[in-house]
């Protein structure tokens, strides 16, 4: 395996029948938003069957939970949690 694809984020995720398409976004080196920050632009698109997408989503969630258990990441409380207390 020699090809690597980098992305900063996912863009639009669209489901059409049994197919899921989602955009891989990168921060542009040349395009800026109104605040002068790099704009996110579509780099590539992944197209896969919905069952494959669901398996991938489950694996990603398991990885996130593993990172939390190891203390590598922690989730911030919801922004409105302070209002509930």
C-alpha atoms as a PDB file:
ATOM      1  CA  UNK A   1       0.000   0.000   0.000  1.00  0.00           C
ATOM      2  CA  UNK A   2       1.673   3.195  -1.163  1.00  0.00           C
ATOM      3  CA  UNK A   3      -1.195   5.649  -1.564  1.00  0.00           C
ATOM      4  CA  UNK A   4      -2.168   7.828   1.360  1.00  0.00           C
ATOM      5  CA  UNK A   5      -5.061  10.251   1.516  1.00  0.00           C
ATOM      6  CA  UNK A   6      -5.129  13.060   4.061  1.00  0.00           C
ATOM      7  CA  UNK A   7      -8.221  14.961   5.152  1.00  0.00           C
ATOM      8  CA  UNK A   8      -8.942  17.484   7.885  1.00  0.00           C
ATOM      9  CA  UNK A   9     -12.648  16.747   8.101  1.00  0.00           C
ATOM     10  CA  UNK A  10     -15.649  15.208   6.384  1.00  0.00           C
ATOM     11  CA  UNK A  11     -17.903  17.447   4.340  1.00  0.00           C
ATOM     12  CA  UNK A  12     -21.329  16.565   3.038  1.00  0.00           C
ATOM     13  CA  UNK A  13     -22.505  13.005   3.622  1.00  0.00           C
ATOM     14  CA  UNK A  14     -25.236  12.018   1.168  1.00  0.00           C
ATOM     15  CA  UNK A  15     -27.220   8.801   0.963  1.00  0.00           C
ATOM     16  CA  UNK A  16     -28.765   7.858  -2.365  1.00  0.00           C
ATOM     17  CA  UNK A  17     -30.503   4.516  -2.237  1.00  0.00           C
ATOM     18  CA  UNK A  18     -27.960   1.933  -1.037  1.00  0.00           C
ATOM     19  CA  UNK A  19     -24.952   4.204  -1.676  1.00  0.00           C
ATOM     20  CA  UNK A  20     -23.263   6.669   0.703  1.00  0.00           C
ATOM     21  CA  UNK A  21     -21.049   9.441  -0.614  1.00  0.00           C
ATOM     22  CA  UNK A  22     -18.987  11.627   1.654  1.00  0.00           C
ATOM     23  CA  UNK A  23     -16.544  14.374   0.946  1.00  0.00           C
ATOM     24  CA  UNK A  24     -13.031  14.500   2.337  1.00  0.00           C
ATOM     25  CA  UNK A  25     -12.181  18.097   3.188  1.00  0.00           C
ATOM     26  CA  UNK A  26      -8.787  19.796   3.522  1.00  0.00           C
ATOM     27  CA  UNK A  27      -7.786  23.280   4.621  1.00  0.00           C
ATOM     28  CA  UNK A  28      -6.897  25.251   1.519  1.00  0.00           C
ATOM     29  CA  UNK A  29      -3.476  26.829   1.264  1.00  0.00           C
ATOM     30  CA  UNK A  30      -4.808  29.628  -0.932  1.00  0.00           C
ATOM     31  CA  UNK A  31      -8.525  30.140  -0.171  1.00  0.00           C
ATOM     32  CA  UNK A  32      -9.439  32.061   2.997  1.00  0.00           C
ATOM     33  CA  UNK A  33     -12.764  32.724   4.726  1.00  0.00           C
ATOM     34  CA  UNK A  34     -13.996  36.176   5.784  1.00  0.00           C
ATOM     35  CA  UNK A  35     -11.861  35.975   8.953  1.00  0.00           C
ATOM     36  CA  UNK A  36      -8.716  35.124   6.984  1.00  0.00           C
ATOM     37  CA  UNK A  37      -8.682  31.497   8.107  1.00  0.00           C
ATOM     38  CA  UNK A  38      -8.075  28.710   5.564  1.00  0.00           C
ATOM     39  CA  UNK A  39     -11.293  27.559   3.892  1.00  0.00           C
ATOM     40  CA  UNK A  40     -12.201  23.898   3.898  1.00  0.00           C
ATOM     41  CA  UNK A  41     -12.409  22.587   0.355  1.00  0.00           C
ATOM     42  CA  UNK A  42     -13.354  19.185  -1.068  1.00  0.00           C
ATOM     43  CA  UNK A  43     -10.267  17.098  -1.787  1.00  0.00           C
ATOM     44  CA  UNK A  44     -11.851  13.768  -2.732  1.00  0.00           C
ATOM     45  CA  UNK A  45     -15.011  11.760  -2.289  1.00  0.00           C
ATOM     46  CA  UNK A  46     -15.533   8.282  -0.882  1.00  0.00           C
ATOM     47  CA  UNK A  47     -18.405   6.265  -2.315  1.00  0.00           C
ATOM     48  CA  UNK A  48     -19.423   3.050  -0.600  1.00  0.00           C
ATOM     49  CA  UNK A  49     -22.428   0.805   0.043  1.00  0.00           C
ATOM     50  CA  UNK A  50     -24.482   1.744   3.076  1.00  0.00           C
ATOM     51  CA  UNK A  51     -23.637  -1.496   4.914  1.00  0.00           C
ATOM     52  CA  UNK A  52     -19.914  -0.755   4.499  1.00  0.00           C
ATOM     53  CA  UNK A  53     -20.480   2.790   5.745  1.00  0.00           C
ATOM     54  CA  UNK A  54     -22.267   1.472   8.842  1.00  0.00           C
ATOM     55  CA  UNK A  55     -19.430  -0.978   9.571  1.00  0.00           C
ATOM     56  CA  UNK A  56     -16.899   1.841   9.157  1.00  0.00           C
ATOM     57  CA  UNK A  57     -18.896   4.137  11.461  1.00  0.00           C
ATOM     58  CA  UNK A  58     -19.011   1.396  14.104  1.00  0.00           C
ATOM     59  CA  UNK A  59     -15.240   0.883  13.880  1.00  0.00           C
ATOM     60  CA  UNK A  60     -14.606   4.624  14.179  1.00  0.00           C
ATOM     61  CA  UNK A  61     -16.864   4.817  17.245  1.00  0.00           C
ATOM     62  CA  UNK A  62     -15.009   1.877  18.837  1.00  0.00           C
ATOM     63  CA  UNK A  63     -11.694   3.654  18.179  1.00  0.00           C
ATOM     64  CA  UNK A  64     -12.989   6.856  19.807  1.00  0.00           C
ATOM     65  CA  UNK A  65     -14.124   4.897  22.873  1.00  0.00           C
ATOM     66  CA  UNK A  66     -10.710   3.198  23.053  1.00  0.00           C
ATOM     67  CA  UNK A  67      -8.952   6.586  22.926  1.00  0.00           C
ATOM     68  CA  UNK A  68     -11.215   7.829  25.741  1.00  0.00           C
ATOM     69  CA  UNK A  69     -10.496   4.754  27.901  1.00  0.00           C
ATOM     70  CA  UNK A  70      -6.755   5.265  27.420  1.00  0.00           C
ATOM     71  CA  UNK A  71      -7.099   8.938  28.421  1.00  0.00           C
ATOM     72  CA  UNK A  72      -5.749  10.148  25.082  1.00  0.00           C
ATOM     73  CA  UNK A  73      -8.876  12.232  24.452  1.00  0.00           C
ATOM     74  CA  UNK A  74     -11.769  13.434  26.570  1.00  0.00           C
ATOM     75  CA  UNK A  75     -15.100  14.737  25.493  1.00  0.00           C
ATOM     76  CA  UNK A  76     -16.141  18.207  26.550  1.00  0.00           C
ATOM     77  CA  UNK A  77     -19.529  18.470  28.238  1.00  0.00           C
ATOM     78  CA  UNK A  78     -22.306  19.895  26.042  1.00  0.00           C
ATOM     79  CA  UNK A  79     -22.244  23.708  25.883  1.00  0.00           C
ATOM     80  CA  UNK A  80     -25.631  23.995  27.564  1.00  0.00           C
ATOM     81  CA  UNK A  81     -24.681  21.641  30.474  1.00  0.00           C
ATOM     82  CA  UNK A  82     -23.855  24.605  32.730  1.00  0.00           C
ATOM     83  CA  UNK A  83     -27.382  25.970  32.240  1.00  0.00           C
ATOM     84  CA  UNK A  84     -28.911  22.677  33.474  1.00  0.00           C
ATOM     85  CA  UNK A  85     -26.946  22.626  36.760  1.00  0.00           C
END
